[in-house]
Amino acid sequence: MKLKIPHRKEYEVVYREYWLVQNKQDMADNPRFNGSKEPNVPMVNKFQVNGKMGGRPLKLTKEAEKLNKLLSSGLTLKDATFIMDMTMQALSQIKAKYKLPRKKNESVSNVHPDED
């Protein structure tokens, strides 16, 4: 059901102008203000956006280090199941969790050098 508001189009322009002026005032009062530039635009959760970038990689466990060596040498997960005596599901979960195979020189501390 669409609501019929008389003179709505006339007020939209005025409302937008005041909205932008208020946003400028809020930014001047509080530099950390992250309000939207447009009215009625949903705010994006910044943590969700940054989480899609991958975040900081986890330190490898002993099993993950061994699986990383095997995958880096060219073996498949099926071959690694016989060597490590683990199920295919367990190895695929380790591979997904630690984003394997990794390069040898990639460590946790040098991924984000500006942090720490």
N, C-alpha and C. Protein backbone atom coordinates (compact mmCIF):
# COMPACT_ATOMS: atom_id res chain seq x y z
N MET A 1 0.85 -1.17 0.00
CA MET A 1 0.00 0.00 0.00
C MET A 1 0.89 1.23 0.00
N LYS A 2 0.70 2.08 -0.94
CA LYS A 2 1.49 3.29 -1.06
C LYS A 2 0.75 4.45 -0.40
N LEU A 3 1.47 5.16 0.42
CA LEU A 3 0.89 6.28 1.13
C LEU A 3 0.90 7.52 0.25
N LYS A 4 -0.19 8.20 0.19
CA LYS A 4 -0.27 9.42 -0.61
C LYS A 4 -0.12 10.61 0.33
N ILE A 5 0.98 11.32 0.14
CA ILE A 5 1.25 12.49 0.96
C ILE A 5 1.19 13.71 0.04
N PRO A 6 0.36 14.65 0.35
CA PRO A 6 0.27 15.83 -0.52
C PRO A 6 1.55 16.66 -0.46
N HIS A 7 1.98 17.16 -1.58
CA HIS A 7 3.15 18.03 -1.70
C HIS A 7 4.44 17.33 -1.27
N ARG A 8 4.51 16.02 -1.39
CA ARG A 8 5.68 15.27 -0.96
C ARG A 8 6.92 15.66 -1.76
N LYS A 9 6.78 15.77 -3.06
CA LYS A 9 7.93 16.07 -3.91
C LYS A 9 8.52 17.43 -3.59
N GLU A 10 7.71 18.36 -3.20
CA GLU A 10 8.20 19.68 -2.85
C GLU A 10 9.06 19.64 -1.59
N TYR A 11 8.68 18.79 -0.65
CA TYR A 11 9.40 18.71 0.61
C TYR A 11 10.66 17.87 0.52
N GLU A 12 10.75 16.94 -0.44
CA GLU A 12 11.93 16.09 -0.54
C GLU A 12 13.20 16.89 -0.80
N VAL A 13 13.13 17.87 -1.64
CA VAL A 13 14.30 18.69 -1.95
C VAL A 13 14.76 19.46 -0.72
N VAL A 14 13.82 20.04 -0.02
CA VAL A 14 14.14 20.81 1.18
C VAL A 14 14.71 19.89 2.26
N TYR A 15 14.09 18.72 2.42
CA TYR A 15 14.56 17.76 3.42
C TYR A 15 15.98 17.33 3.12
N ARG A 16 16.30 17.06 1.87
CA ARG A 16 17.65 16.63 1.49
C ARG A 16 18.68 17.72 1.80
N GLU A 17 18.36 18.96 1.49
CA GLU A 17 19.28 20.06 1.77
C GLU A 17 19.58 20.15 3.27
N TYR A 18 18.54 20.08 4.09
CA TYR A 18 18.75 20.15 5.54
C TYR A 18 19.51 18.92 6.05
N TRP A 19 19.27 17.77 5.44
CA TRP A 19 19.97 16.53 5.81
C TRP A 19 21.47 16.69 5.59
N LEU A 20 21.86 17.21 4.42
CA LEU A 20 23.27 17.38 4.12
C LEU A 20 23.93 18.43 5.01
N VAL A 21 23.21 19.51 5.31
CA VAL A 21 23.74 20.52 6.22
C VAL A 21 23.94 19.93 7.61
N GLN A 22 23.00 19.13 8.07
CA GLN A 22 23.11 18.50 9.40
C GLN A 22 24.27 17.52 9.44
N ASN A 23 24.49 16.76 8.36
CA ASN A 23 25.63 15.84 8.32
C ASN A 23 26.95 16.58 8.40
N LYS A 24 27.07 17.71 7.71
CA LYS A 24 28.28 18.52 7.79
C LYS A 24 28.50 19.03 9.21
N GLN A 25 27.43 19.45 9.86
CA GLN A 25 27.52 19.93 11.24
C GLN A 25 27.94 18.79 12.17
N ASP A 26 27.39 17.59 11.97
CA ASP A 26 27.75 16.43 12.80
C ASP A 26 29.21 16.05 12.60
N MET A 27 29.70 16.13 11.37
CA MET A 27 31.10 15.83 11.12
C MET A 27 32.02 16.86 11.79
N ALA A 28 31.60 18.11 11.80
CA ALA A 28 32.40 19.15 12.46
C ALA A 28 32.42 18.94 13.97
N ASP A 29 31.29 18.56 14.53
CA ASP A 29 31.20 18.33 15.98
C ASP A 29 31.95 17.07 16.40
N ASN A 30 31.83 16.02 15.58
CA ASN A 30 32.42 14.73 15.93
C ASN A 30 33.09 14.16 14.68
N PRO A 31 34.42 14.21 14.56
CA PRO A 31 35.10 13.72 13.36
C PRO A 31 34.92 12.22 13.14
N ARG A 32 34.58 11.48 14.19
CA ARG A 32 34.39 10.04 14.04
C ARG A 32 32.98 9.67 13.60
N PHE A 33 32.15 10.67 13.39
CA PHE A 33 30.78 10.44 12.92
C PHE A 33 30.83 9.78 11.55
N ASN A 34 30.09 8.69 11.38
CA ASN A 34 30.10 7.98 10.10
C ASN A 34 28.69 7.88 9.54
N GLY A 35 27.95 8.95 9.63
CA GLY A 35 26.59 8.97 9.11
C GLY A 35 26.58 8.87 7.60
N SER A 36 25.46 8.46 7.07
CA SER A 36 25.36 8.32 5.62
C SER A 36 25.23 9.69 4.97
N LYS A 37 25.66 9.78 3.74
CA LYS A 37 25.56 11.04 3.01
C LYS A 37 24.17 11.21 2.42
N GLU A 38 23.46 10.13 2.29
CA GLU A 38 22.12 10.17 1.72
C GLU A 38 21.11 9.76 2.80
N PRO A 39 19.95 10.36 2.84
CA PRO A 39 18.95 9.92 3.81
C PRO A 39 18.39 8.55 3.42
N ASN A 40 18.03 7.79 4.42
CA ASN A 40 17.41 6.47 4.26
C ASN A 40 18.31 5.45 3.58
N VAL A 41 19.63 5.59 3.73
CA VAL A 41 20.57 4.61 3.23
C VAL A 41 21.03 3.79 4.42
N PRO A 42 20.94 2.47 4.35
CA PRO A 42 21.34 1.67 5.51
C PRO A 42 22.85 1.76 5.74
N MET A 43 23.23 1.79 7.01
CA MET A 43 24.64 1.84 7.36
C MET A 43 25.24 0.45 7.15
N VAL A 44 26.43 0.39 6.63
CA VAL A 44 27.12 -0.87 6.39
C VAL A 44 27.99 -1.15 7.60
N ASN A 45 27.88 -2.36 8.09
CA ASN A 45 28.70 -2.75 9.22
C ASN A 45 30.15 -2.89 8.74
N LYS A 46 31.03 -2.04 9.23
CA LYS A 46 32.41 -2.03 8.76
C LYS A 46 33.14 -3.32 9.11
N PHE A 47 32.76 -3.96 10.20
CA PHE A 47 33.42 -5.20 10.56
C PHE A 47 33.10 -6.30 9.56
N GLN A 48 31.89 -6.32 9.03
CA GLN A 48 31.55 -7.31 8.02
C GLN A 48 32.35 -7.06 6.75
N VAL A 49 32.51 -5.81 6.38
CA VAL A 49 33.27 -5.49 5.17
C VAL A 49 34.72 -5.90 5.33
N ASN A 50 35.34 -5.56 6.47
CA ASN A 50 36.73 -5.91 6.69
C ASN A 50 36.91 -7.41 6.87
N GLY A 51 35.90 -8.07 7.40
CA GLY A 51 35.99 -9.51 7.56
C GLY A 51 36.05 -10.23 6.23
N LYS A 52 35.44 -9.69 5.21
CA LYS A 52 35.49 -10.30 3.89
C LYS A 52 36.89 -10.21 3.29
N MET A 53 37.70 -9.32 3.79
CA MET A 53 39.05 -9.17 3.27
C MET A 53 39.95 -10.29 3.79
N GLY A 54 39.50 -11.05 4.74
CA GLY A 54 40.26 -12.21 5.21
C GLY A 54 40.77 -12.09 6.61
N GLY A 55 41.09 -10.91 7.06
CA GLY A 55 41.59 -10.74 8.42
C GLY A 55 43.00 -11.31 8.58
N ARG A 56 43.47 -11.34 9.78
CA ARG A 56 44.80 -11.84 10.09
C ARG A 56 44.79 -13.37 10.07
N PRO A 57 45.75 -14.02 9.39
CA PRO A 57 45.77 -15.48 9.37
C PRO A 57 46.14 -16.06 10.73
N LEU A 58 45.60 -17.22 11.01
CA LEU A 58 45.85 -17.88 12.29
C LEU A 58 47.23 -18.55 12.28
N LYS A 59 47.81 -18.71 13.47
CA LYS A 59 49.06 -19.46 13.57
C LYS A 59 48.75 -20.92 13.28
N LEU A 60 49.67 -21.59 12.61
CA LEU A 60 49.46 -22.98 12.22
C LEU A 60 49.71 -23.91 13.40
N THR A 61 48.84 -24.89 13.56
CA THR A 61 49.06 -25.96 14.54
C THR A 61 50.02 -26.97 13.91
N LYS A 62 50.38 -28.00 14.68
CA LYS A 62 51.30 -29.01 14.14
C LYS A 62 50.68 -29.73 12.95
N GLU A 63 49.39 -30.06 13.08
CA GLU A 63 48.72 -30.74 11.97
C GLU A 63 48.64 -29.83 10.75
N ALA A 64 48.36 -28.56 10.99
CA ALA A 64 48.24 -27.62 9.89
C ALA A 64 49.59 -27.39 9.21
N GLU A 65 50.67 -27.34 9.99
CA GLU A 65 52.00 -27.19 9.40
C GLU A 65 52.33 -28.39 8.51
N LYS A 66 52.02 -29.58 9.01
CA LYS A 66 52.30 -30.80 8.25
C LYS A 66 51.47 -30.82 6.96
N LEU A 67 50.19 -30.47 7.07
CA LEU A 67 49.33 -30.45 5.90
C LEU A 67 49.79 -29.38 4.91
N ASN A 68 50.25 -28.26 5.40
CA ASN A 68 50.76 -27.20 4.54
C ASN A 68 51.97 -27.69 3.74
N LYS A 69 52.88 -28.43 4.40
CA LYS A 69 54.05 -28.97 3.70
C LYS A 69 53.62 -29.96 2.62
N LEU A 70 52.65 -30.80 2.96
CA LEU A 70 52.20 -31.80 1.99
C LEU A 70 51.52 -31.15 0.79
N LEU A 71 50.66 -30.17 1.07
CA LEU A 71 49.96 -29.51 -0.04
C LEU A 71 50.92 -28.68 -0.88
N SER A 72 51.91 -28.07 -0.23
CA SER A 72 52.89 -27.26 -0.97
C SER A 72 53.76 -28.13 -1.87
N SER A 73 53.97 -29.38 -1.46
CA SER A 73 54.80 -30.27 -2.27
C SER A 73 54.02 -30.88 -3.43
N GLY A 74 52.72 -30.60 -3.50
CA GLY A 74 51.94 -31.05 -4.65
C GLY A 74 51.00 -32.22 -4.38
N LEU A 75 50.93 -32.69 -3.16
CA LEU A 75 50.02 -33.79 -2.85
C LEU A 75 48.58 -33.30 -2.74
N THR A 76 47.64 -34.18 -2.96
CA THR A 76 46.23 -33.84 -2.81
C THR A 76 45.79 -34.15 -1.39
N LEU A 77 44.58 -33.72 -1.06
CA LEU A 77 44.04 -34.03 0.27
C LEU A 77 43.86 -35.53 0.45
N LYS A 78 43.49 -36.21 -0.63
CA LYS A 78 43.29 -37.67 -0.54
C LYS A 78 44.60 -38.37 -0.20
N ASP A 79 45.70 -37.91 -0.79
CA ASP A 79 47.00 -38.49 -0.46
C ASP A 79 47.39 -38.16 0.98
N ALA A 80 47.07 -36.96 1.42
CA ALA A 80 47.43 -36.54 2.78
C ALA A 80 46.65 -37.31 3.84
N THR A 81 45.46 -37.82 3.50
CA THR A 81 44.69 -38.59 4.49
C THR A 81 45.43 -39.86 4.89
N PHE A 82 46.09 -40.50 3.93
CA PHE A 82 46.83 -41.73 4.25
C PHE A 82 48.09 -41.42 5.03
N ILE A 83 48.75 -40.33 4.72
CA ILE A 83 50.00 -39.98 5.39
C ILE A 83 49.74 -39.52 6.83
N MET A 84 48.74 -38.68 7.01
CA MET A 84 48.48 -38.12 8.33
C MET A 84 47.52 -38.96 9.16
N ASP A 85 46.91 -39.97 8.57
CA ASP A 85 45.96 -40.86 9.24
C ASP A 85 44.80 -40.06 9.85
N MET A 86 44.23 -39.20 9.02
CA MET A 86 43.07 -38.41 9.40
C MET A 86 42.03 -38.53 8.30
N THR A 87 40.80 -38.15 8.63
CA THR A 87 39.74 -38.24 7.63
C THR A 87 39.84 -37.09 6.64
N MET A 88 39.22 -37.30 5.50
CA MET A 88 39.21 -36.27 4.46
C MET A 88 38.50 -35.02 4.96
N GLN A 89 37.43 -35.20 5.74
CA GLN A 89 36.67 -34.06 6.26
C GLN A 89 37.53 -33.24 7.22
N ALA A 90 38.26 -33.91 8.10
CA ALA A 90 39.11 -33.19 9.06
C ALA A 90 40.18 -32.38 8.33
N LEU A 91 40.79 -32.97 7.31
CA LEU A 91 41.83 -32.25 6.58
C LEU A 91 41.26 -31.09 5.77
N SER A 92 40.08 -31.28 5.20
CA SER A 92 39.49 -30.17 4.44
C SER A 92 39.09 -29.03 5.37
N GLN A 93 38.68 -29.36 6.60
CA GLN A 93 38.36 -28.31 7.57
C GLN A 93 39.62 -27.55 7.99
N ILE A 94 40.72 -28.27 8.19
CA ILE A 94 41.99 -27.62 8.53
C ILE A 94 42.45 -26.73 7.38
N LYS A 95 42.32 -27.24 6.16
CA LYS A 95 42.73 -26.47 4.99
C LYS A 95 41.92 -25.18 4.88
N ALA A 96 40.61 -25.26 5.11
CA ALA A 96 39.76 -24.07 5.01
C ALA A 96 40.03 -23.10 6.17
N LYS A 97 40.20 -23.62 7.37
CA LYS A 97 40.39 -22.77 8.54
C LYS A 97 41.69 -21.97 8.47
N TYR A 98 42.77 -22.62 8.02
CA TYR A 98 44.07 -21.97 8.00
C TYR A 98 44.46 -21.46 6.62
N LYS A 99 43.54 -21.56 5.67
CA LYS A 99 43.76 -21.07 4.30
C LYS A 99 45.04 -21.63 3.71
N LEU A 100 45.09 -22.94 3.66
CA LEU A 100 46.27 -23.64 3.15
C LEU A 100 46.11 -23.92 1.67
N PRO A 101 47.15 -24.09 0.92
CA PRO A 101 48.56 -24.00 1.30
C PRO A 101 49.03 -22.55 1.35
N ARG A 102 49.93 -22.30 2.29
CA ARG A 102 50.53 -20.98 2.43
C ARG A 102 51.97 -21.02 1.92
N LYS A 103 52.49 -19.85 1.60
CA LYS A 103 53.88 -19.76 1.20
C LYS A 103 54.75 -19.91 2.44
N LYS A 104 55.97 -20.35 2.26
CA LYS A 104 56.86 -20.58 3.40
C LYS A 104 57.19 -19.28 4.14
N ASN A 105 57.39 -18.19 3.39
CA ASN A 105 57.81 -16.95 4.04
C ASN A 105 56.64 -16.15 4.61
N GLU A 106 55.42 -16.63 4.45
CA GLU A 106 54.25 -15.91 4.99
C GLU A 106 54.04 -16.30 6.44
N SER A 107 54.24 -15.34 7.34
CA SER A 107 54.02 -15.60 8.75
C SER A 107 52.93 -14.66 9.25
N VAL A 108 52.52 -14.90 10.46
CA VAL A 108 51.43 -14.11 11.03
C VAL A 108 51.87 -12.68 11.27
N SER A 109 53.09 -12.47 11.69
CA SER A 109 53.53 -11.14 12.10
C SER A 109 53.77 -10.19 10.92
N ASN A 110 54.12 -10.71 9.73
CA ASN A 110 54.44 -9.79 8.64
C ASN A 110 53.27 -9.53 7.71
N VAL A 111 52.11 -10.07 8.00
CA VAL A 111 50.95 -9.85 7.16
C VAL A 111 50.43 -8.42 7.33
N HIS A 112 50.39 -7.96 8.57
CA HIS A 112 49.95 -6.59 8.88
C HIS A 112 51.08 -5.91 9.67
N PRO A 113 52.14 -5.44 9.02
CA PRO A 113 53.27 -4.90 9.77
C PRO A 113 52.97 -3.60 10.50
N ASP A 114 51.97 -2.84 10.05
CA ASP A 114 51.66 -1.58 10.73
C ASP A 114 50.97 -1.79 12.06
N GLU A 115 50.41 -2.98 12.27
CA GLU A 115 49.79 -3.29 13.57
C GLU A 115 50.84 -3.92 14.46
N ASP A 116 50.56 -4.11 15.71
CA ASP A 116 51.45 -4.70 16.74
C ASP A 116 52.28 -3.67 17.40
